[in-house]
């Protein structure tokens, strides 16, 4: 791990680190947020940083900011839109970059993100921790949201699980939000996969969730494939059983993974781990056979 420099990305002060073949940028004055992810030496950020988009809330003006953030599910207003515009604590602990936000007193939680090298030079482990700093039990799930640059395609695998030997039981969940329409041209179903295109010219929001199998979500943009891989846990997942979700607007796309809901005692920590993989795959067709081949090789 190499501590490189401090740079400005669209007005946000960011501390850069090199981990193997990847560069990671941590926001200093807001967060916890990861605002840069790219291959070393390329200077290409797979993440979208947006200082303009936001909304008024009872607690003040919430800004999207972009990059990677940690929320708690289920989504509720105004709790979910906690203002994270204060400086964070960044430290190095053994082989981990630890980013800790300010305590959210209104929500009785503290959010922490740890980043460690992955199994390969092009991978990372991103560990999300949500601490109950209140005086009573709270039920919630860590919710890891990554805003990626526009123009690509999100990929959700939904391969059959076959829960019983005769195939009589339902084995997959797909969740839709009220503003999502099945006729939306950005939404495409192929064998074993759901594809969601980001279109700068389509101003209607779209959101879809699923119980992903295998438990990953991916994004193909230009010549790069970005994969977020998790481990499925038994339990009650938010949003009708969704372990992954995609939200898309005219400006950006969000790749989201969730942990199961748990009742967390005071002082307890709910942890959710993602493995990030960023590789150059060149120009590919997003067909079932191509995706099966790539994801089987990468994810096993």
C-alpha atoms as a PDB file:
ATOM      1  CA  UNK A   1       0.000   0.000   0.000  1.00  0.00           C
ATOM      2  CA  UNK A   2       1.386   3.401  -0.999  1.00  0.00           C
ATOM      3  CA  UNK A   3       0.179   6.797   0.211  1.00  0.00           C
ATOM      4  CA  UNK A   4       0.530   8.906  -2.938  1.00  0.00           C
ATOM      5  CA  UNK A   5      -0.767  12.481  -2.813  1.00  0.00           C
ATOM      6  CA  UNK A   6      -3.670  14.821  -2.192  1.00  0.00           C
ATOM      7  CA  UNK A   7      -5.594  16.008  -5.264  1.00  0.00           C
ATOM      8  CA  UNK A   8      -8.788  17.913  -6.006  1.00  0.00           C
ATOM      9  CA  UNK A   9     -11.636  16.138  -7.806  1.00  0.00           C
ATOM     10  CA  UNK A  10     -14.425  18.523  -8.812  1.00  0.00           C
ATOM     11  CA  UNK A  11     -13.744  20.657  -5.764  1.00  0.00           C
ATOM     12  CA  UNK A  12     -13.383  17.809  -3.266  1.00  0.00           C
ATOM     13  CA  UNK A  13     -10.035  17.268  -1.542  1.00  0.00           C
ATOM     14  CA  UNK A  14      -9.063  13.605  -2.062  1.00  0.00           C
ATOM     15  CA  UNK A  15      -6.215  11.527  -0.640  1.00  0.00           C
ATOM     16  CA  UNK A  16      -4.881   8.983  -3.151  1.00  0.00           C
ATOM     17  CA  UNK A  17      -3.550   5.533  -2.312  1.00  0.00           C
ATOM     18  CA  UNK A  18      -2.041   2.819  -4.481  1.00  0.00           C
ATOM     19  CA  UNK A  19      -3.090  -0.743  -3.652  1.00  0.00           C
ATOM     20  CA  UNK A  20      -1.577  -3.229  -6.067  1.00  0.00           C
ATOM     21  CA  UNK A  21      -2.725  -2.319  -9.554  1.00  0.00           C
ATOM     22  CA  UNK A  22      -5.462   0.036  -8.355  1.00  0.00           C
ATOM     23  CA  UNK A  23      -5.596   3.666  -7.276  1.00  0.00           C
ATOM     24  CA  UNK A  24      -8.171   4.639  -4.670  1.00  0.00           C
ATOM     25  CA  UNK A  25      -9.100   8.173  -3.637  1.00  0.00           C
ATOM     26  CA  UNK A  26     -10.632   8.959  -0.229  1.00  0.00           C
ATOM     27  CA  UNK A  27     -12.547  12.201   0.353  1.00  0.00           C
ATOM     28  CA  UNK A  28     -11.014  14.189   3.211  1.00  0.00           C
ATOM     29  CA  UNK A  29     -13.659  16.819   4.026  1.00  0.00           C
ATOM     30  CA  UNK A  30     -16.861  14.796   3.440  1.00  0.00           C
ATOM     31  CA  UNK A  31     -17.899  11.216   3.911  1.00  0.00           C
ATOM     32  CA  UNK A  32     -16.938   8.526   4.474  1.00  0.00           C
ATOM     33  CA  UNK A  33     -16.636   8.504   0.688  1.00  0.00           C
ATOM     34  CA  UNK A  34     -14.432   6.894  -1.944  1.00  0.00           C
ATOM     35  CA  UNK A  35     -14.255   9.348  -4.851  1.00  0.00           C
ATOM     36  CA  UNK A  36     -11.680   7.715  -7.106  1.00  0.00           C
ATOM     37  CA  UNK A  37     -11.123   4.202  -8.421  1.00  0.00           C
ATOM     38  CA  UNK A  38      -8.974   3.389 -11.417  1.00  0.00           C
ATOM     39  CA  UNK A  39      -6.131   1.297 -12.760  1.00  0.00           C
ATOM     40  CA  UNK A  40      -2.695   2.600 -11.819  1.00  0.00           C
ATOM     41  CA  UNK A  41      -1.225   4.916 -14.430  1.00  0.00           C
ATOM     42  CA  UNK A  42      -4.400   5.281 -16.504  1.00  0.00           C
ATOM     43  CA  UNK A  43      -5.837   8.433 -14.958  1.00  0.00           C
ATOM     44  CA  UNK A  44      -9.378   7.191 -15.630  1.00  0.00           C
ATOM     45  CA  UNK A  45     -11.878   7.312 -12.776  1.00  0.00           C
ATOM     46  CA  UNK A  46     -14.637   4.687 -12.990  1.00  0.00           C
ATOM     47  CA  UNK A  47     -16.625   6.604 -10.356  1.00  0.00           C
ATOM     48  CA  UNK A  48     -18.846   9.625 -10.984  1.00  0.00           C
ATOM     49  CA  UNK A  49     -18.360  12.680  -8.780  1.00  0.00           C
ATOM     50  CA  UNK A  50     -21.280  15.123  -8.750  1.00  0.00           C
ATOM     51  CA  UNK A  51     -21.028  18.256  -6.572  1.00  0.00           C
ATOM     52  CA  UNK A  52     -24.279  19.759  -7.887  1.00  0.00           C
ATOM     53  CA  UNK A  53     -27.114  17.242  -7.410  1.00  0.00           C
ATOM     54  CA  UNK A  54     -28.874  17.393  -4.045  1.00  0.00           C
ATOM     55  CA  UNK A  55     -32.075  18.064  -2.125  1.00  0.00           C
ATOM     56  CA  UNK A  56     -33.343  19.981   0.876  1.00  0.00           C
ATOM     57  CA  UNK A  57     -34.052  17.918   4.003  1.00  0.00           C
ATOM     58  CA  UNK A  58     -35.134  18.820   7.551  1.00  0.00           C
ATOM     59  CA  UNK A  59     -31.457  18.471   8.549  1.00  0.00           C
ATOM     60  CA  UNK A  60     -30.115  20.733   5.776  1.00  0.00           C
ATOM     61  CA  UNK A  61     -29.085  20.399   2.149  1.00  0.00           C
ATOM     62  CA  UNK A  62     -28.048  16.849   1.260  1.00  0.00           C
ATOM     63  CA  UNK A  63     -25.619  16.506  -1.652  1.00  0.00           C
ATOM     64  CA  UNK A  64     -25.217  13.380  -3.747  1.00  0.00           C
ATOM     65  CA  UNK A  65     -21.434  13.991  -4.025  1.00  0.00           C
ATOM     66  CA  UNK A  66     -21.111  10.670  -5.846  1.00  0.00           C
ATOM     67  CA  UNK A  67     -18.400   8.059  -5.582  1.00  0.00           C
ATOM     68  CA  UNK A  68     -18.941   5.306  -3.027  1.00  0.00           C
ATOM     69  CA  UNK A  69     -20.961   5.861   0.151  1.00  0.00           C
ATOM     70  CA  UNK A  70     -22.404   3.873   3.042  1.00  0.00           C
ATOM     71  CA  UNK A  71     -26.091   4.186   3.900  1.00  0.00           C
ATOM     72  CA  UNK A  72     -28.391   2.170   6.103  1.00  0.00           C
ATOM     73  CA  UNK A  73     -31.492   0.364   4.871  1.00  0.00           C
ATOM     74  CA  UNK A  74     -34.426   0.408   4.715  1.00  0.00           C
ATOM     75  CA  UNK A  75     -34.627   3.777   2.993  1.00  0.00           C
ATOM     76  CA  UNK A  76     -36.644   6.301   4.972  1.00  0.00           C
ATOM     77  CA  UNK A  77     -36.939  10.060   4.746  1.00  0.00           C
ATOM     78  CA  UNK A  78     -35.207  11.998   6.232  1.00  0.00           C
ATOM     79  CA  UNK A  79     -33.143   9.380   8.125  1.00  0.00           C
ATOM     80  CA  UNK A  80     -31.471   7.932   5.052  1.00  0.00           C
ATOM     81  CA  UNK A  81     -30.365  11.340   3.767  1.00  0.00           C
ATOM     82  CA  UNK A  82     -28.089  12.110   6.686  1.00  0.00           C
ATOM     83  CA  UNK A  83     -25.783  15.023   5.890  1.00  0.00           C
ATOM     84  CA  UNK A  84     -22.209  13.775   5.468  1.00  0.00           C
ATOM     85  CA  UNK A  85     -20.428  17.047   4.705  1.00  0.00           C
ATOM     86  CA  UNK A  86     -17.997  17.007   7.652  1.00  0.00           C
ATOM     87  CA  UNK A  87     -14.296  16.005   7.663  1.00  0.00           C
ATOM     88  CA  UNK A  88     -13.544  12.322   8.210  1.00  0.00           C
ATOM     89  CA  UNK A  89     -10.804  10.531  10.078  1.00  0.00           C
ATOM     90  CA  UNK A  90      -8.410   8.650   7.758  1.00  0.00           C
ATOM     91  CA  UNK A  91      -5.902   6.275   9.306  1.00  0.00           C
ATOM     92  CA  UNK A  92      -3.742   3.299   8.364  1.00  0.00           C
ATOM     93  CA  UNK A  93      -4.173   0.232  10.551  1.00  0.00           C
ATOM     94  CA  UNK A  94      -1.877  -2.641   9.607  1.00  0.00           C
ATOM     95  CA  UNK A  95      -2.779  -3.262   5.948  1.00  0.00           C
ATOM     96  CA  UNK A  96      -6.053  -1.296   5.930  1.00  0.00           C
ATOM     97  CA  UNK A  97      -7.119   2.237   5.090  1.00  0.00           C
ATOM     98  CA  UNK A  98      -9.765   3.158   7.674  1.00  0.00           C
ATOM     99  CA  UNK A  99     -12.209   5.995   6.961  1.00  0.00           C
ATOM    100  CA  UNK A 100     -14.508   7.008   9.809  1.00  0.00           C
ATOM    101  CA  UNK A 101     -17.288   9.546   9.508  1.00  0.00           C
ATOM    102  CA  UNK A 102     -18.731  11.869  12.121  1.00  0.00           C
ATOM    103  CA  UNK A 103     -21.284  10.300  14.502  1.00  0.00           C
ATOM    104  CA  UNK A 104     -24.859  10.605  13.226  1.00  0.00           C
ATOM    105  CA  UNK A 105     -26.558  11.554  16.494  1.00  0.00           C
ATOM    106  CA  UNK A 106     -30.029  11.788  14.940  1.00  0.00           C
ATOM    107  CA  UNK A 107     -29.742   8.204  13.663  1.00  0.00           C
ATOM    108  CA  UNK A 108     -27.643   6.804  16.538  1.00  0.00           C
ATOM    109  CA  UNK A 109     -25.061   5.327  14.162  1.00  0.00           C
ATOM    110  CA  UNK A 110     -21.434   5.804  13.188  1.00  0.00           C
ATOM    111  CA  UNK A 111     -20.225   4.703   9.756  1.00  0.00           C
ATOM    112  CA  UNK A 112     -16.787   3.337   8.942  1.00  0.00           C
ATOM    113  CA  UNK A 113     -15.255   2.010   5.721  1.00  0.00           C
ATOM    114  CA  UNK A 114     -12.090  -0.097   5.666  1.00  0.00           C
ATOM    115  CA  UNK A 115     -10.182  -0.789   2.450  1.00  0.00           C
ATOM    116  CA  UNK A 116      -7.647  -3.596   2.165  1.00  0.00           C
ATOM    117  CA  UNK A 117      -5.817  -5.199  -0.777  1.00  0.00           C
ATOM    118  CA  UNK A 118      -7.728  -8.021  -2.448  1.00  0.00           C
ATOM    119  CA  UNK A 119      -6.679 -11.467  -3.584  1.00  0.00           C
ATOM    120  CA  UNK A 120      -5.337 -10.099  -6.910  1.00  0.00           C
ATOM    121  CA  UNK A 121      -3.585  -6.893  -7.941  1.00  0.00           C
ATOM    122  CA  UNK A 122      -6.809  -5.582  -9.498  1.00  0.00           C
ATOM    123  CA  UNK A 123      -9.044  -6.204  -6.494  1.00  0.00           C
ATOM    124  CA  UNK A 124      -9.888  -4.682  -3.106  1.00  0.00           C
ATOM    125  CA  UNK A 125     -11.864  -5.658  -0.037  1.00  0.00           C
ATOM    126  CA  UNK A 126     -14.195  -2.877   1.077  1.00  0.00           C
ATOM    127  CA  UNK A 127     -15.507  -3.488   4.586  1.00  0.00           C
ATOM    128  CA  UNK A 128     -18.511  -1.446   5.695  1.00  0.00           C
ATOM    129  CA  UNK A 129     -19.223  -1.078   9.409  1.00  0.00           C
ATOM    130  CA  UNK A 130     -22.256   0.597  10.942  1.00  0.00           C
ATOM    131  CA  UNK A 131     -21.983   1.007  14.716  1.00  0.00           C
ATOM    132  CA  UNK A 132     -25.020   1.469  16.958  1.00  0.00           C
ATOM    133  CA  UNK A 133     -23.987   4.412  19.166  1.00  0.00           C
ATOM    134  CA  UNK A 134     -27.418   4.746  20.751  1.00  0.00           C
ATOM    135  CA  UNK A 135     -28.917   3.380  23.960  1.00  0.00           C
ATOM    136  CA  UNK A 136     -31.342   0.868  22.492  1.00  0.00           C
ATOM    137  CA  UNK A 137     -31.456  -1.819  19.842  1.00  0.00           C
ATOM    138  CA  UNK A 138     -31.864  -0.712  16.228  1.00  0.00           C
ATOM    139  CA  UNK A 139     -32.779  -2.840  13.211  1.00  0.00           C
ATOM    140  CA  UNK A 140     -30.912  -1.920  10.054  1.00  0.00           C
ATOM    141  CA  UNK A 141     -28.740  -3.191   7.202  1.00  0.00           C
ATOM    142  CA  UNK A 142     -25.542  -1.676   5.775  1.00  0.00           C
ATOM    143  CA  UNK A 143     -26.178  -0.480   2.235  1.00  0.00           C
ATOM    144  CA  UNK A 144     -23.132   0.029  -0.014  1.00  0.00           C
ATOM    145  CA  UNK A 145     -23.814   2.417  -2.913  1.00  0.00           C
ATOM    146  CA  UNK A 146     -21.375   3.153  -5.726  1.00  0.00           C
ATOM    147  CA  UNK A 147     -22.090   5.959  -8.196  1.00  0.00           C
ATOM    148  CA  UNK A 148     -20.398   5.121 -11.500  1.00  0.00           C
ATOM    149  CA  UNK A 149     -19.798   7.343 -14.500  1.00  0.00           C
ATOM    150  CA  UNK A 150     -22.560   7.467 -17.112  1.00  0.00           C
ATOM    151  CA  UNK A 151     -22.821   5.676 -20.442  1.00  0.00           C
ATOM    152  CA  UNK A 152     -22.369   2.069 -19.340  1.00  0.00           C
ATOM    153  CA  UNK A 153     -24.479  -0.977 -18.533  1.00  0.00           C
ATOM    154  CA  UNK A 154     -25.183  -2.495 -15.106  1.00  0.00           C
ATOM    155  CA  UNK A 155     -25.289  -6.288 -14.919  1.00  0.00           C
ATOM    156  CA  UNK A 156     -27.289  -8.283 -12.363  1.00  0.00           C
ATOM    157  CA  UNK A 157     -26.935 -12.092 -12.495  1.00  0.00           C
ATOM    158  CA  UNK A 158     -30.124 -13.976 -11.649  1.00  0.00           C
ATOM    159  CA  UNK A 159     -29.253 -17.588 -12.368  1.00  0.00           C
ATOM    160  CA  UNK A 160     -31.744 -20.262 -11.222  1.00  0.00           C
ATOM    161  CA  UNK A 161     -31.190 -21.684  -7.737  1.00  0.00           C
ATOM    162  CA  UNK A 162     -33.672 -24.568  -7.938  1.00  0.00           C
ATOM    163  CA  UNK A 163     -34.571 -24.683  -4.250  1.00  0.00           C
ATOM    164  CA  UNK A 164     -36.314 -28.066  -4.541  1.00  0.00           C
ATOM    165  CA  UNK A 165     -35.487 -31.065  -6.722  1.00  0.00           C
ATOM    166  CA  UNK A 166     -38.658 -30.734  -8.803  1.00  0.00           C
ATOM    167  CA  UNK A 167     -38.261 -26.992  -9.439  1.00  0.00           C
ATOM    168  CA  UNK A 168     -41.692 -26.160  -8.034  1.00  0.00           C
ATOM    169  CA  UNK A 169     -40.638 -23.399  -5.612  1.00  0.00           C
ATOM    170  CA  UNK A 170     -39.896 -19.803  -6.599  1.00  0.00           C
ATOM    171  CA  UNK A 171     -36.133 -19.238  -6.443  1.00  0.00           C
ATOM    172  CA  UNK A 172     -35.531 -15.596  -7.450  1.00  0.00           C
ATOM    173  CA  UNK A 173     -36.837 -12.170  -6.449  1.00  0.00           C
ATOM    174  CA  UNK A 174     -37.054  -9.060  -8.611  1.00  0.00           C
ATOM    175  CA  UNK A 175     -38.178  -5.820  -6.919  1.00  0.00           C
ATOM    176  CA  UNK A 176     -39.499  -2.741  -8.687  1.00  0.00           C
ATOM    177  CA  UNK A 177     -40.014   0.822  -7.437  1.00  0.00           C
ATOM    178  CA  UNK A 178     -43.187   2.847  -8.179  1.00  0.00           C
ATOM    179  CA  UNK A 179     -41.457   5.015 -10.784  1.00  0.00           C
ATOM    180  CA  UNK A 180     -40.024   2.027 -12.704  1.00  0.00           C
ATOM    181  CA  UNK A 181     -41.834   0.888 -15.850  1.00  0.00           C
ATOM    182  CA  UNK A 182     -41.227  -2.485 -17.476  1.00  0.00           C
ATOM    183  CA  UNK A 183     -41.336  -0.881 -20.930  1.00  0.00           C
ATOM    184  CA  UNK A 184     -38.337   1.340 -20.115  1.00  0.00           C
ATOM    185  CA  UNK A 185     -35.848   0.871 -22.996  1.00  0.00           C
ATOM    186  CA  UNK A 186     -32.905   0.975 -20.559  1.00  0.00           C
ATOM    187  CA  UNK A 187     -34.074  -2.286 -18.993  1.00  0.00           C
ATOM    188  CA  UNK A 188     -33.264  -5.556 -20.744  1.00  0.00           C
ATOM    189  CA  UNK A 189     -33.689  -9.183 -19.685  1.00  0.00           C
ATOM    190  CA  UNK A 190     -31.509 -11.901 -21.177  1.00  0.00           C
ATOM    191  CA  UNK A 191     -31.018 -15.485 -19.994  1.00  0.00           C
ATOM    192  CA  UNK A 192     -29.574 -15.386 -16.452  1.00  0.00           C
ATOM    193  CA  UNK A 193     -29.007 -11.618 -16.417  1.00  0.00           C
ATOM    194  CA  UNK A 194     -30.750  -8.279 -16.027  1.00  0.00           C
ATOM    195  CA  UNK A 195     -29.086  -5.417 -17.922  1.00  0.00           C
ATOM    196  CA  UNK A 196     -29.687  -1.755 -17.069  1.00  0.00           C
ATOM    197  CA  UNK A 197     -28.349   0.867 -19.473  1.00  0.00           C
ATOM    198  CA  UNK A 198     -27.481   4.412 -18.421  1.00  0.00           C
ATOM    199  CA  UNK A 199     -28.801   6.901 -20.969  1.00  0.00           C
ATOM    200  CA  UNK A 200     -27.907  10.591 -20.655  1.00  0.00           C
ATOM    201  CA  UNK A 201     -30.971  11.455 -22.721  1.00  0.00           C
ATOM    202  CA  UNK A 202     -33.532   9.633 -20.573  1.00  0.00           C
ATOM    203  CA  UNK A 203     -34.693  11.823 -17.678  1.00  0.00           C
ATOM    204  CA  UNK A 204     -36.980   9.284 -15.986  1.00  0.00           C
ATOM    205  CA  UNK A 205     -35.566   7.551 -12.890  1.00  0.00           C
ATOM    206  CA  UNK A 206     -35.487   3.754 -12.801  1.00  0.00           C
ATOM    207  CA  UNK A 207     -34.732   1.376  -9.955  1.00  0.00           C
ATOM    208  CA  UNK A 208     -34.685  -2.417  -9.843  1.00  0.00           C
ATOM    209  CA  UNK A 209     -33.529  -4.884  -7.199  1.00  0.00           C
ATOM    210  CA  UNK A 210     -32.958  -8.630  -7.184  1.00  0.00           C
ATOM    211  CA  UNK A 211     -31.741 -11.562  -5.162  1.00  0.00           C
ATOM    212  CA  UNK A 212     -28.581 -11.914  -7.217  1.00  0.00           C
ATOM    213  CA  UNK A 213     -27.130 -15.316  -8.016  1.00  0.00           C
ATOM    214  CA  UNK A 214     -24.170 -15.353  -7.856  1.00  0.00           C
ATOM    215  CA  UNK A 215     -24.118 -12.509  -5.305  1.00  0.00           C
ATOM    216  CA  UNK A 216     -22.448  -9.866  -7.470  1.00  0.00           C
ATOM    217  CA  UNK A 217     -23.307  -6.743  -9.396  1.00  0.00           C
ATOM    218  CA  UNK A 218     -21.212  -5.382 -12.258  1.00  0.00           C
ATOM    219  CA  UNK A 219     -20.844  -2.410 -14.595  1.00  0.00           C
ATOM    220  CA  UNK A 220     -19.429  -2.372 -18.115  1.00  0.00           C
ATOM    221  CA  UNK A 221     -18.241   1.005 -19.375  1.00  0.00           C
ATOM    222  CA  UNK A 222     -16.010   1.601 -22.393  1.00  0.00           C
ATOM    223  CA  UNK A 223     -13.382  -1.161 -22.089  1.00  0.00           C
ATOM    224  CA  UNK A 224     -13.663  -1.724 -18.326  1.00  0.00           C
ATOM    225  CA  UNK A 225     -15.636  -4.152 -16.198  1.00  0.00           C
ATOM    226  CA  UNK A 226     -16.186  -3.195 -12.561  1.00  0.00           C
ATOM    227  CA  UNK A 227     -17.491  -5.943 -10.274  1.00  0.00           C
ATOM    228  CA  UNK A 228     -18.779  -5.753  -6.702  1.00  0.00           C
ATOM    229  CA  UNK A 229     -18.878  -9.206  -5.157  1.00  0.00           C
ATOM    230  CA  UNK A 230     -20.489 -10.090  -1.825  1.00  0.00           C
ATOM    231  CA  UNK A 231     -21.375 -13.207   0.154  1.00  0.00           C
ATOM    232  CA  UNK A 232     -25.024 -14.183   0.462  1.00  0.00           C
ATOM    233  CA  UNK A 233     -26.149 -14.497   4.075  1.00  0.00           C
ATOM    234  CA  UNK A 234     -29.309 -16.140   5.314  1.00  0.00           C
ATOM    235  CA  UNK A 235     -31.702 -13.554   6.682  1.00  0.00           C
ATOM    236  CA  UNK A 236     -34.259 -10.891   5.866  1.00  0.00           C
ATOM    237  CA  UNK A 237     -33.018  -8.644   3.066  1.00  0.00           C
ATOM    238  CA  UNK A 238     -34.540  -5.177   2.569  1.00  0.00           C
ATOM    239  CA  UNK A 239     -36.782  -4.191  -0.324  1.00  0.00           C
ATOM    240  CA  UNK A 240     -38.714  -7.464  -0.645  1.00  0.00           C
ATOM    241  CA  UNK A 241     -35.571  -9.575  -0.490  1.00  0.00           C
ATOM    242  CA  UNK A 242     -33.102  -7.642  -2.660  1.00  0.00           C
ATOM    243  CA  UNK A 243     -29.382  -8.298  -2.162  1.00  0.00           C
ATOM    244  CA  UNK A 244     -28.412  -5.971  -5.039  1.00  0.00           C
ATOM    245  CA  UNK A 245     -30.053  -2.934  -6.609  1.00  0.00           C
ATOM    246  CA  UNK A 246     -29.511  -0.533  -9.507  1.00  0.00           C
ATOM    247  CA  UNK A 247     -30.705   3.060  -9.606  1.00  0.00           C
ATOM    248  CA  UNK A 248     -30.297   5.062 -12.809  1.00  0.00           C
ATOM    249  CA  UNK A 249     -30.952   8.693 -13.679  1.00  0.00           C
ATOM    250  CA  UNK A 250     -30.026  10.843 -16.664  1.00  0.00           C
ATOM    251  CA  UNK A 251     -26.733  11.814 -14.969  1.00  0.00           C
ATOM    252  CA  UNK A 252     -25.378   8.657 -13.359  1.00  0.00           C
ATOM    253  CA  UNK A 253     -25.987   5.057 -12.313  1.00  0.00           C
ATOM    254  CA  UNK A 254     -25.729   3.490  -8.851  1.00  0.00           C
ATOM    255  CA  UNK A 255     -24.571  -0.064  -8.095  1.00  0.00           C
ATOM    256  CA  UNK A 256     -25.896  -1.111  -4.696  1.00  0.00           C
ATOM    257  CA  UNK A 257     -25.425  -4.140  -2.458  1.00  0.00           C
ATOM    258  CA  UNK A 258     -27.118  -4.802   0.868  1.00  0.00           C
ATOM    259  CA  UNK A 259     -26.663  -6.975   3.928  1.00  0.00           C
ATOM    260  CA  UNK A 260     -29.587  -8.641   5.705  1.00  0.00           C
ATOM    261  CA  UNK A 261     -31.478  -6.637   8.306  1.00  0.00           C
ATOM    262  CA  UNK A 262     -30.287  -7.300  11.850  1.00  0.00           C
ATOM    263  CA  UNK A 263     -31.263  -6.076  15.300  1.00  0.00           C
ATOM    264  CA  UNK A 264     -28.071  -4.431  16.565  1.00  0.00           C
ATOM    265  CA  UNK A 265     -27.516  -3.899  20.278  1.00  0.00           C
ATOM    266  CA  UNK A 266     -25.972  -0.687  21.694  1.00  0.00           C
ATOM    267  CA  UNK A 267     -22.277  -0.720  20.853  1.00  0.00           C
ATOM    268  CA  UNK A 268     -22.805  -3.477  18.286  1.00  0.00           C
ATOM    269  CA  UNK A 269     -21.492  -3.362  14.724  1.00  0.00           C
ATOM    270  CA  UNK A 270     -23.254  -4.581  11.590  1.00  0.00           C
ATOM    271  CA  UNK A 271     -20.639  -5.454   8.942  1.00  0.00           C
ATOM    272  CA  UNK A 272     -21.032  -5.803   5.181  1.00  0.00           C
ATOM    273  CA  UNK A 273     -18.096  -6.773   2.936  1.00  0.00           C
ATOM    274  CA  UNK A 274     -17.670  -6.209  -0.783  1.00  0.00           C
ATOM    275  CA  UNK A 275     -14.838  -7.377  -3.007  1.00  0.00           C
ATOM    276  CA  UNK A 276     -14.137  -4.896  -5.797  1.00  0.00           C
ATOM    277  CA  UNK A 277     -12.588  -6.034  -9.060  1.00  0.00           C
ATOM    278  CA  UNK A 278     -11.676  -3.670 -11.893  1.00  0.00           C
ATOM    279  CA  UNK A 279     -10.309  -5.111 -15.128  1.00  0.00           C
ATOM    280  CA  UNK A 280      -9.855  -4.112 -18.737  1.00  0.00           C
ATOM    281  CA  UNK A 281     -11.830  -6.479 -20.962  1.00  0.00           C
ATOM    282  CA  UNK A 282     -11.867  -4.525 -24.214  1.00  0.00           C
ATOM    283  CA  UNK A 283     -14.941  -4.334 -26.402  1.00  0.00           C
ATOM    284  CA  UNK A 284     -17.388  -7.153 -25.579  1.00  0.00           C
ATOM    285  CA  UNK A 285     -20.980  -8.092 -26.389  1.00  0.00           C
ATOM    286  CA  UNK A 286     -23.179  -8.418 -23.347  1.00  0.00           C
ATOM    287  CA  UNK A 287     -24.618 -11.842 -24.128  1.00  0.00           C
ATOM    288  CA  UNK A 288     -25.269 -14.684 -21.717  1.00  0.00           C
ATOM    289  CA  UNK A 289     -22.391 -16.768 -23.056  1.00  0.00           C
ATOM    290  CA  UNK A 290     -19.880 -13.897 -22.889  1.00  0.00           C
ATOM    291  CA  UNK A 291     -20.932 -12.853 -19.380  1.00  0.00           C
ATOM    292  CA  UNK A 292     -20.942 -16.445 -18.143  1.00  0.00           C
ATOM    293  CA  UNK A 293     -17.411 -16.931 -19.444  1.00  0.00           C
ATOM    294  CA  UNK A 294     -16.000 -13.717 -17.936  1.00  0.00           C
ATOM    295  CA  UNK A 295     -17.742 -13.932 -14.580  1.00  0.00           C
ATOM    296  CA  UNK A 296     -17.029 -17.631 -14.130  1.00  0.00           C
ATOM    297  CA  UNK A 297     -13.334 -16.956 -14.704  1.00  0.00           C
ATOM    298  CA  UNK A 298     -13.240 -13.957 -12.368  1.00  0.00           C
ATOM    299  CA  UNK A 299     -15.626 -15.053  -9.639  1.00  0.00           C
ATOM    300  CA  UNK A 300     -15.440 -18.835  -9.836  1.00  0.00           C
END
